[in-house]
Amino acid sequence: MKRMLGLAMGLLVSFALQAAERAPVSVEREIKRAISDLPIEAVYKSPIPGLYELIVGRTIYYADRSGRYLIAGGYIFDTRTKENLTQKRLEEINRIDFSKLPLDQAFVSGDPNGKLVLAIFTDPDCPFCRRLERELEKLHGVKIYNFLYPLERLHPNARRHAEAIWCAKDRNAAKRAIMIEGHDLSPPKGCHAPIEANLKLGSKLGISGTPTLIAGDGRMHAGFMPAERLRAWLQGR
């Protein structure tokens, strides 16, 4: 037993020493040059061969020898193309069948004859959803299906605003009035909006935040995107 403990302690010490070993100057220089927008203070060898620790303030990132691939926050980034490779892969493996979305629970905005299609799960009071609305006005040739998805635990008035949009004579005008112009609208009496159905659908699809975007090929993306980047994403670029 003592021998086993001694071996275990020896391995731990060995790993600790290996992790603390400074990377060769040439490697450190190459990584810093490749990731010049990150204020790297020092580069050390990690316990995994070919992977290096990057010290940035009180945070540690990881990168390969060339500095092209960066690991941060559980994601792998291509520093050359600025792509989040982990997010891209997640979108590929978590695709849904767009044709099976209950589009009668959504309303159309954008270009009704657009060749590109987009579904959005949106909360009328979500700051990033409102920011996205301004970007969508710059997006041409895209047919957008809006699923109203109010998160009341975060935005107490979101459901009322969602119902006001759905039950308005002009849903897009009401959406703009609330989400871009900042008006406080309420639904008419007897309004029946598919809010509960949308919440159940979102839960089934694993949607926990807004905005959540779904491309025509079934890829999903959680969060805001500017118009130019959104168009490229819809086109699979």
Foldseek 3Di string as FASTA:
>chain_A
DVVVVVVVVVVVVVQVVQLPAFDDPVLFVQLCVLPVVAPFPGWGGHSDPQKIWTDGPPDTWIAGSNNQWIHDPNWIAGSVVRDGVVLVVCLVVLFDQPVPPPLVLWDKDADPQAPWEKEKAAFLPDLQRLVQVVQSVVAHRYIYTYHDAHDCVVPVCRVQLSLQLVQDPHNVVSSCCCSPVNDRDGHDPPGDHCHVVSNVVCVVSVNDDPTWMATNRRGIDHTHDGNVVVVCVNVVD
